[in-house]
Amino acid sequence: MRIEEIKLREIYTSNAARTLEVEMLSDGQSFRAQIPAGESRGSGEAKALTPEEAGENWAKLRPQLLGLDFRSVSELDQLLLHADGTPDKSKFGGNVMLGVSLAGARALASEGKKELWQSLAEEFFPGGTKEAPPRIYANFVEGGAHAQSGLALQEYLVISDREGPLAEKIALMIELYRKTGGAIGPRLAGSVLPLGVEGGYAVNWRDDLEPLSMLEQLISDTKAAAGFRLGLDAAASNFFRNGRYRIGGGERSAEELAEVYAGYFGRVPALVAIEDPFAENDPASFAALRVKFPDKLIIGDDLTTTNPFLIEQYAGQGAMNGVIIKANQIGTVSETCKALALSKKLGLARIVSHRGEETGDAFLVHLAKASGAEGVKIGAPIRERILKYNELLRLYS
């Protein structure tokens, strides 16, 4: 794959925030990569440059790429990492580097006459991928940094099972989403229901437990949804201040917050997973919750930021048995694939995830397919997020 030309341009996300697209010309063809952005970000994420900052540095990076031939994504990424030379990719920006890496991955796949997922599987996951379609983690109700809904917890997720045809699971997910809107609708006396940044409903609730109870009842009332479960993305760093967690109208210690979660598990049996239940600098509380609830999925996101070193460190401490994978947290395709391969070796459930500020790029679905990931987190089944549901249908049908 030879880079004949490469361009950087400013585009917009699902919520009209500014982001970047990289376009690469190779073998007379054009390959694009659009980079999402996080509404809620872990402190360990790769530096994301603004369009102005990226433009200033692009003049230094572009000449280092033009005319070069690459035989693999790893080879391209090694050049990018060497050129940047910073621990957080602050010189050229993790978002810019991911754009180049992903556009290059698409060019290499085309050169090999393969789908992107096939090319990634061949390079990074040579054992093959024969797993069932991933569980879908769909955001039905939003709070925290995603919505002005009075909820401390950021996302209330409906989780599909992995049995049966994927098309039926997605159709049922859409049905449940609409039923959720129908159940919430009477609160607003016919008004249009407000949505959060990922398409989840964003209305006011009595407390943080109420959405879970309502969603469990809806699943129970929908016979075909017998295998569906519930999850939370607490994003607890967002309500952690001065050593205390601000939730439920008061301030709580980590031990008291663990009791809140225990209450949720006890009252809502369908609740099987919690992402970032504590602040990113509190791995001991993650581990304590895992010991107390060994049959639940305790997931790291802000805790690990798709960093292989952190994933191995916190898995070794027993802080989690599941991990969120977001390519723009780490900044290159090869590092993301390394994080996925390591997580599988460590026995972690791997959930490839979108971001709050999304684009039309469906790379994450190809990444999940290539790696055989156990889950994909792609927002509510509506509006721009539906593009990723459609790509799931295409790749797994």
Protein backbone atom coordinates (compact mmCIF):
# COMPACT_ATOMS: atom_id res chain seq x y z
CA MET A 1 0.00 0.00 0.00
CA ARG A 2 1.56 3.28 -1.14
CA ILE A 3 0.35 6.64 0.17
CA GLU A 4 -0.05 8.87 -2.87
CA GLU A 5 -1.86 11.71 -1.06
CA ILE A 6 -3.34 12.28 2.35
CA LYS A 7 -5.67 15.03 3.54
CA LEU A 8 -7.07 16.21 6.84
CA ARG A 9 -10.42 17.98 7.02
CA GLU A 10 -12.80 19.23 9.66
CA ILE A 11 -16.22 17.54 9.82
CA TYR A 12 -19.00 17.32 12.42
CA THR A 13 -20.20 14.68 14.85
CA SER A 14 -23.70 13.42 15.59
CA ASN A 15 -24.20 16.38 17.95
CA ALA A 16 -22.63 18.94 15.60
CA ALA A 17 -19.33 19.08 17.48
CA ARG A 18 -16.21 19.57 15.39
CA THR A 19 -14.08 16.54 14.63
CA LEU A 20 -11.69 15.28 11.96
CA GLU A 21 -11.66 13.09 8.89
CA VAL A 22 -8.56 11.71 7.22
CA GLU A 23 -8.67 10.87 3.51
CA MET A 24 -5.91 8.77 1.97
CA LEU A 25 -5.28 8.23 -1.73
CA SER A 26 -3.65 4.89 -2.58
CA ASP A 27 -3.63 2.98 -5.86
CA GLY A 28 -5.88 5.64 -7.33
CA GLN A 29 -8.58 5.01 -4.72
CA SER A 30 -9.78 7.11 -1.81
CA PHE A 31 -10.05 5.75 1.75
CA ARG A 32 -11.59 7.76 4.60
CA ALA A 33 -11.65 7.54 8.37
CA GLN A 34 -13.92 9.69 10.54
CA ILE A 35 -12.95 10.03 14.19
CA PRO A 36 -15.52 10.22 17.01
CA ALA A 37 -15.03 12.13 20.25
CA GLY A 38 -15.91 11.37 23.86
CA GLU A 39 -18.45 13.35 25.89
CA SER A 40 -17.13 11.63 29.02
CA ARG A 41 -13.38 11.00 28.87
CA GLY A 42 -10.93 9.14 31.05
CA SER A 43 -7.82 11.05 32.07
CA GLY A 44 -5.59 8.40 30.49
CA GLU A 45 -6.94 8.83 26.98
CA ALA A 46 -4.71 9.86 24.10
CA LYS A 47 -4.67 13.60 23.49
CA ALA A 48 -7.30 14.74 21.00
CA LEU A 49 -6.28 17.88 19.14
CA THR A 50 -8.73 20.57 18.12
CA PRO A 51 -9.06 21.12 14.37
CA GLU A 52 -6.87 24.22 14.71
CA GLU A 53 -4.14 22.36 16.60
CA ALA A 54 -4.32 19.45 14.21
CA GLY A 55 -4.02 21.75 11.22
CA GLU A 56 -0.90 23.38 12.62
CA ASN A 57 0.83 20.03 13.09
CA TRP A 58 -0.45 18.36 9.93
CA ALA A 59 2.12 20.20 7.83
CA LYS A 60 4.82 18.36 9.80
CA LEU A 61 3.24 14.89 9.65
CA ARG A 62 1.98 14.76 6.05
CA PRO A 63 5.43 14.94 4.37
CA GLN A 64 6.61 12.01 6.50
CA LEU A 65 3.88 9.82 4.97
CA LEU A 66 3.75 10.78 1.30
CA GLY A 67 5.24 8.28 -1.11
CA LEU A 68 5.86 5.60 1.50
CA ASP A 69 4.89 1.94 1.08
CA PHE A 70 3.47 -0.10 3.96
CA ARG A 71 2.89 -3.83 4.12
CA SER A 72 0.81 -3.85 7.31
CA VAL A 73 -1.11 -1.65 9.70
CA SER A 74 1.52 -2.35 12.34
CA GLU A 75 4.24 -0.96 10.10
CA LEU A 76 2.27 2.24 9.46
CA ASP A 77 1.48 2.65 13.15
CA GLN A 78 5.10 2.19 14.17
CA LEU A 79 6.04 5.12 11.96
CA LEU A 80 3.25 7.23 13.50
CA LEU A 81 4.29 6.35 17.05
CA HIS A 82 7.94 7.07 16.36
CA ALA A 83 7.13 10.38 14.66
CA ASP A 84 4.94 11.50 17.57
CA GLY A 85 7.26 10.27 20.31
CA THR A 86 5.07 11.35 23.24
CA PRO A 87 3.38 9.08 25.81
CA ASP A 88 -0.07 10.59 25.21
CA LYS A 89 0.22 11.34 21.46
CA SER A 90 0.11 15.06 22.20
CA LYS A 91 2.39 16.04 19.31
CA PHE A 92 0.17 14.94 16.42
CA GLY A 93 -2.95 13.98 18.38
CA GLY A 94 -4.45 10.56 18.98
CA ASN A 95 -7.43 11.52 16.85
CA VAL A 96 -5.23 12.46 13.87
CA MET A 97 -3.05 9.38 14.27
CA LEU A 98 -6.09 7.10 14.46
CA GLY A 99 -7.45 8.70 11.29
CA VAL A 100 -4.23 7.94 9.40
CA SER A 101 -4.01 4.44 10.89
CA LEU A 102 -7.61 3.56 10.02
CA ALA A 103 -7.52 5.04 6.52
CA GLY A 104 -4.35 3.02 5.95
CA ALA A 105 -6.03 -0.13 7.27
CA ARG A 106 -8.81 0.36 4.75
CA ALA A 107 -6.31 0.86 1.93
CA LEU A 108 -4.47 -2.32 2.91
CA ALA A 109 -7.74 -4.28 3.05
CA SER A 110 -8.66 -3.05 -0.42
CA GLU A 111 -5.25 -3.94 -1.77
CA GLY A 112 -5.73 -7.47 -0.44
CA LYS A 113 -9.28 -7.60 -1.84
CA LYS A 114 -10.67 -8.19 1.63
CA GLU A 115 -13.27 -6.65 3.91
CA LEU A 116 -11.72 -4.49 6.63
CA TRP A 117 -12.61 -7.02 9.33
CA GLN A 118 -11.01 -9.84 7.34
CA SER A 119 -7.79 -7.90 6.88
CA LEU A 120 -7.64 -7.03 10.59
CA ALA A 121 -8.34 -10.62 11.60
CA GLU A 122 -5.54 -11.87 9.36
CA GLU A 123 -2.98 -9.44 10.80
CA PHE A 124 -3.96 -9.28 14.46
CA PHE A 125 -6.20 -12.26 15.27
CA PRO A 126 -4.79 -15.17 13.24
CA GLY A 127 -6.66 -17.79 15.23
CA GLY A 128 -9.81 -16.95 13.32
CA THR A 129 -13.16 -15.64 14.48
CA LYS A 130 -16.05 -18.09 14.60
CA GLU A 131 -17.83 -16.62 17.60
CA ALA A 132 -21.53 -15.83 17.67
CA PRO A 133 -22.57 -12.24 16.99
CA PRO A 134 -21.73 -9.96 19.92
CA ARG A 135 -24.16 -8.88 22.59
CA ILE A 136 -25.56 -5.43 21.84
CA TYR A 137 -25.32 -2.91 24.68
CA ALA A 138 -27.95 -0.31 23.75
CA ASN A 139 -28.41 2.96 25.63
CA PHE A 140 -32.10 3.41 26.50
CA VAL A 141 -31.98 6.06 29.27
CA GLU A 142 -29.31 8.73 29.78
CA GLY A 143 -28.10 10.81 32.70
CA GLY A 144 -24.80 12.06 34.08
CA ALA A 145 -22.69 13.98 31.56
CA HIS A 146 -24.99 12.86 28.72
CA ALA A 147 -28.27 14.50 29.77
CA GLN A 148 -29.95 16.94 32.11
CA SER A 149 -32.21 14.26 33.61
CA GLY A 150 -31.38 14.44 37.29
CA LEU A 151 -29.65 11.05 37.17
CA ALA A 152 -26.13 10.66 38.51
CA LEU A 153 -25.63 7.44 36.53
CA GLN A 154 -24.79 8.04 32.89
CA GLU A 155 -26.33 5.18 30.89
CA TYR A 156 -29.04 2.57 31.40
CA LEU A 157 -28.36 -0.22 28.94
CA VAL A 158 -30.47 -3.00 27.49
CA ILE A 159 -28.24 -5.98 26.62
CA SER A 160 -29.18 -8.59 24.04
CA ASP A 161 -28.23 -12.25 24.33
CA ARG A 162 -26.09 -14.06 21.74
CA GLU A 163 -28.53 -16.84 20.87
CA GLY A 164 -30.62 -16.87 17.73
CA PRO A 165 -30.58 -14.71 14.58
CA LEU A 166 -29.08 -11.25 14.98
CA ALA A 167 -31.80 -9.69 12.83
CA GLU A 168 -34.42 -10.82 15.35
CA LYS A 169 -32.39 -9.38 18.24
CA ILE A 170 -32.10 -5.98 16.57
CA ALA A 171 -35.79 -5.90 15.65
CA LEU A 172 -36.64 -6.71 19.27
CA MET A 173 -34.21 -4.06 20.53
CA ILE A 174 -36.01 -1.47 18.39
CA GLU A 175 -39.39 -2.68 19.66
CA LEU A 176 -38.24 -2.38 23.28
CA TYR A 177 -36.83 1.09 22.64
CA ARG A 178 -40.18 2.24 21.26
CA LYS A 179 -42.04 0.66 24.16
CA THR A 180 -39.75 2.52 26.55
CA GLY A 181 -40.72 5.79 24.89
CA GLY A 182 -44.36 4.80 25.12
CA ALA A 183 -44.02 4.08 28.83
CA ILE A 184 -42.23 7.38 29.49
CA GLY A 185 -44.45 9.50 27.22
CA PRO A 186 -47.35 10.12 29.68
CA ARG A 187 -44.93 11.97 31.97
CA LEU A 188 -44.69 14.81 29.44
CA ALA A 189 -48.35 15.00 28.42
CA GLY A 190 -47.75 14.40 24.74
CA SER A 191 -44.62 16.47 24.33
CA VAL A 192 -41.74 15.18 22.21
CA LEU A 193 -39.47 13.10 24.41
CA PRO A 194 -36.00 14.64 24.88
CA LEU A 195 -33.04 12.45 24.02
CA GLY A 196 -29.50 12.37 25.35
CA VAL A 197 -26.36 12.50 23.23
CA GLU A 198 -26.52 8.79 22.39
CA GLY A 199 -30.25 8.62 21.70
CA GLY A 200 -31.35 7.40 25.13
CA TYR A 201 -34.41 9.02 26.69
CA ALA A 202 -33.47 11.99 28.87
CA VAL A 203 -36.42 12.83 31.13
CA ASN A 204 -36.48 13.50 34.86
CA TRP A 205 -36.78 10.55 37.24
CA ARG A 206 -37.58 10.14 40.94
CA ASP A 207 -34.23 8.46 41.59
CA ASP A 208 -31.46 6.47 39.92
CA LEU A 209 -33.22 3.15 40.49
CA GLU A 210 -36.50 4.00 38.75
CA PRO A 211 -35.26 3.58 35.11
CA LEU A 212 -33.89 0.11 35.94
CA SER A 213 -37.18 -1.01 37.44
CA MET A 214 -39.14 0.29 34.46
CA LEU A 215 -36.83 -1.36 31.90
CA GLU A 216 -36.94 -4.67 33.75
CA GLN A 217 -40.73 -4.59 33.70
CA LEU A 218 -40.79 -3.83 29.96
CA ILE A 219 -38.48 -6.76 29.25
CA SER A 220 -40.63 -9.00 31.44
CA ASP A 221 -43.76 -7.91 29.56
CA THR A 222 -42.17 -8.68 26.17
CA LYS A 223 -42.09 -12.47 26.01
CA ALA A 224 -39.62 -12.64 23.12
CA ALA A 225 -37.10 -10.64 25.20
CA ALA A 226 -36.56 -13.42 27.73
CA GLY A 227 -32.80 -13.44 27.12
CA PHE A 228 -32.35 -9.68 27.39
CA ARG A 229 -30.64 -8.19 30.42
CA LEU A 230 -29.75 -4.76 31.83
CA GLY A 231 -26.53 -2.88 32.43
CA LEU A 232 -25.34 0.46 33.81
CA ASP A 233 -22.56 2.79 32.81
CA ALA A 234 -22.14 4.68 36.06
CA ALA A 235 -19.22 6.82 34.77
CA ALA A 236 -18.62 7.43 38.45
CA SER A 237 -15.63 9.75 37.94
CA ASN A 238 -18.17 12.35 36.83
CA PHE A 239 -19.90 12.45 40.24
CA PHE A 240 -16.79 11.92 42.38
CA ARG A 241 -15.60 15.00 44.28
CA ASN A 242 -13.13 15.29 47.15
CA GLY A 243 -13.20 11.60 47.96
CA ARG A 244 -17.01 11.31 47.96
CA TYR A 245 -19.62 10.22 45.42
CA ARG A 246 -22.51 12.61 44.87
CA ILE A 247 -25.55 10.49 44.13
CA GLY A 248 -29.14 10.29 45.34
CA GLY A 249 -29.15 13.80 46.74
CA GLY A 250 -26.23 13.19 49.08
CA GLU A 251 -22.55 12.32 49.33
CA ARG A 252 -21.38 8.75 49.85
CA SER A 253 -18.14 6.92 50.49
CA ALA A 254 -17.06 4.15 48.13
CA GLU A 255 -18.33 1.58 50.63
CA GLU A 256 -21.72 3.30 50.80
CA LEU A 257 -21.91 3.50 47.01
CA ALA A 258 -21.19 -0.25 46.84
CA GLU A 259 -24.23 -0.75 49.08
CA VAL A 260 -26.30 1.29 46.63
CA TYR A 261 -25.22 -1.05 43.82
CA ALA A 262 -25.96 -4.04 46.05
CA GLY A 263 -29.47 -2.70 46.44
CA TYR A 264 -29.84 -2.40 42.67
CA PHE A 265 -28.68 -5.99 42.16
CA GLY A 266 -31.07 -7.20 44.84
CA ARG A 267 -34.12 -5.34 43.55
CA VAL A 268 -33.46 -5.74 39.80
CA PRO A 269 -32.37 -9.32 39.03
CA ALA A 270 -32.01 -8.47 35.31
CA LEU A 271 -29.11 -6.13 36.14
CA VAL A 272 -25.96 -8.06 35.21
CA ALA A 273 -23.28 -5.44 34.41
CA ILE A 274 -21.89 -2.15 35.71
CA GLU A 275 -19.29 -0.11 33.85
CA ASP A 276 -17.02 2.26 35.80
CA PRO A 277 -18.90 1.85 39.11
CA PHE A 278 -16.23 3.90 40.89
CA ALA A 279 -13.81 6.68 39.99
CA GLU A 280 -10.91 5.83 37.70
CA ASN A 281 -8.40 6.28 40.55
CA ASP A 282 -10.24 3.84 42.83
CA PRO A 283 -9.44 0.34 41.50
CA ALA A 284 -9.63 -1.16 44.99
CA SER A 285 -13.35 -0.42 45.09
CA PHE A 286 -13.80 -2.09 41.70
CA ALA A 287 -12.07 -5.20 43.09
CA ALA A 288 -14.17 -5.21 46.26
CA LEU A 289 -17.38 -5.06 44.22
CA ARG A 290 -16.16 -7.97 42.06
CA VAL A 291 -15.52 -10.08 45.15
CA LYS A 292 -18.96 -9.27 46.53
CA PHE A 293 -20.72 -10.01 43.22
CA PRO A 294 -18.62 -12.58 41.35
CA ASP A 295 -21.47 -13.44 38.97
CA LYS A 296 -21.83 -9.83 37.72
CA LEU A 297 -19.82 -8.10 35.01
CA ILE A 298 -17.70 -5.29 36.45
CA ILE A 299 -16.36 -3.32 33.48
CA GLY A 300 -13.44 -0.91 33.17
CA ASP A 301 -13.53 2.06 30.79
CA ASP A 302 -12.17 5.29 32.29
CA LEU A 303 -10.17 2.92 34.49
CA THR A 304 -8.30 1.38 31.54
CA THR A 305 -8.74 3.66 28.48
CA THR A 306 -7.90 0.83 26.00
CA ASN A 307 -4.33 0.87 27.28
CA PRO A 308 -2.80 -2.64 27.30
CA PHE A 309 -0.57 -1.81 30.27
CA LEU A 310 -3.54 -0.62 32.38
CA ILE A 311 -5.75 -3.50 31.25
CA GLU A 312 -3.16 -6.02 32.40
CA GLN A 313 -2.49 -4.13 35.63
CA TYR A 314 -6.11 -3.85 36.75
CA ALA A 315 -7.13 -7.31 35.53
CA GLY A 316 -4.25 -8.63 37.63
CA GLN A 317 -5.62 -6.76 40.65
CA GLY A 318 -9.04 -8.35 40.13
CA ALA A 319 -10.63 -4.96 39.50
CA MET A 320 -12.70 -6.07 36.49
CA ASN A 321 -13.86 -9.01 34.43
CA GLY A 322 -14.95 -6.91 31.45
CA VAL A 323 -13.34 -4.07 29.50
CA ILE A 324 -14.50 -1.32 27.14
CA ILE A 325 -12.45 -0.93 23.96
CA LYS A 326 -12.46 2.46 22.20
CA ALA A 327 -9.91 3.00 19.44
CA ASN A 328 -9.71 6.77 19.92
CA GLN A 329 -8.75 6.31 23.58
CA ILE A 330 -5.42 4.78 22.53
CA GLY A 331 -4.93 6.34 19.09
CA THR A 332 -3.93 3.64 16.58
CA VAL A 333 -5.55 0.54 15.11
CA SER A 334 -2.67 -1.77 16.05
CA GLU A 335 -2.65 -0.68 19.71
CA THR A 336 -6.42 -1.19 19.85
CA CYS A 337 -6.05 -4.71 18.44
CA LYS A 338 -3.27 -5.42 20.93
CA ALA A 339 -5.62 -4.37 23.75
CA LEU A 340 -8.30 -6.71 22.40
CA ALA A 341 -5.94 -9.67 22.04
CA LEU A 342 -4.52 -9.15 25.53
CA SER A 343 -7.99 -8.80 27.05
CA LYS A 344 -9.03 -12.12 25.53
CA LYS A 345 -5.90 -13.79 26.91
CA LEU A 346 -6.76 -12.40 30.35
CA GLY A 347 -10.28 -13.80 30.15
CA LEU A 348 -12.03 -10.42 30.08
CA ALA A 349 -15.34 -9.83 28.32
CA ARG A 350 -14.49 -7.36 25.54
CA ILE A 351 -17.02 -4.69 24.58
CA VAL A 352 -16.08 -2.58 21.55
CA SER A 353 -17.68 0.82 22.05
CA HIS A 354 -18.75 3.97 20.26
CA ARG A 355 -18.41 7.49 21.74
CA GLY A 356 -20.86 10.18 22.75
CA GLU A 357 -19.91 12.33 19.75
CA GLU A 358 -20.20 9.84 16.89
CA THR A 359 -19.66 9.84 13.14
CA GLY A 360 -20.99 7.66 10.35
CA ASP A 361 -17.86 5.52 10.44
CA ALA A 362 -18.71 1.89 11.29
CA PHE A 363 -15.14 0.79 12.05
CA LEU A 364 -16.04 -0.48 15.51
CA VAL A 365 -18.31 -3.17 14.03
CA HIS A 366 -15.46 -4.46 11.86
CA LEU A 367 -13.17 -4.40 14.90
CA ALA A 368 -15.68 -6.47 16.88
CA LYS A 369 -16.07 -8.95 14.03
CA ALA A 370 -12.32 -9.31 13.48
CA SER A 371 -11.56 -9.93 17.14
CA GLY A 372 -14.63 -11.99 18.03
CA ALA A 373 -15.52 -9.47 20.74
CA GLU A 374 -18.21 -10.49 23.17
CA GLY A 375 -20.09 -7.19 22.95
CA VAL A 376 -20.64 -3.97 21.03
CA LYS A 377 -21.87 -0.77 22.63
CA ILE A 378 -23.48 1.41 19.97
CA GLY A 379 -26.10 3.64 21.56
CA ALA A 380 -29.85 3.67 21.09
CA PRO A 381 -31.32 2.05 17.95
CA ILE A 382 -32.26 5.37 16.40
CA ARG A 383 -30.96 8.18 14.18
CA GLU A 384 -27.25 8.16 13.33
CA ARG A 385 -26.57 5.20 15.66
CA ILE A 386 -28.69 2.95 13.45
CA LEU A 387 -25.88 2.96 10.88
CA LYS A 388 -23.88 0.67 13.14
CA TYR A 389 -26.85 -1.64 13.68
CA ASN A 390 -27.14 -1.90 9.91
CA GLU A 391 -23.44 -2.74 9.59
CA LEU A 392 -23.88 -5.46 12.21
CA LEU A 393 -26.67 -6.92 10.08
CA ARG A 394 -24.49 -6.82 6.98
CA LEU A 395 -21.46 -8.47 8.59
CA TYR A 396 -23.28 -11.11 10.62
CA SER A 397 -26.14 -12.08 8.27
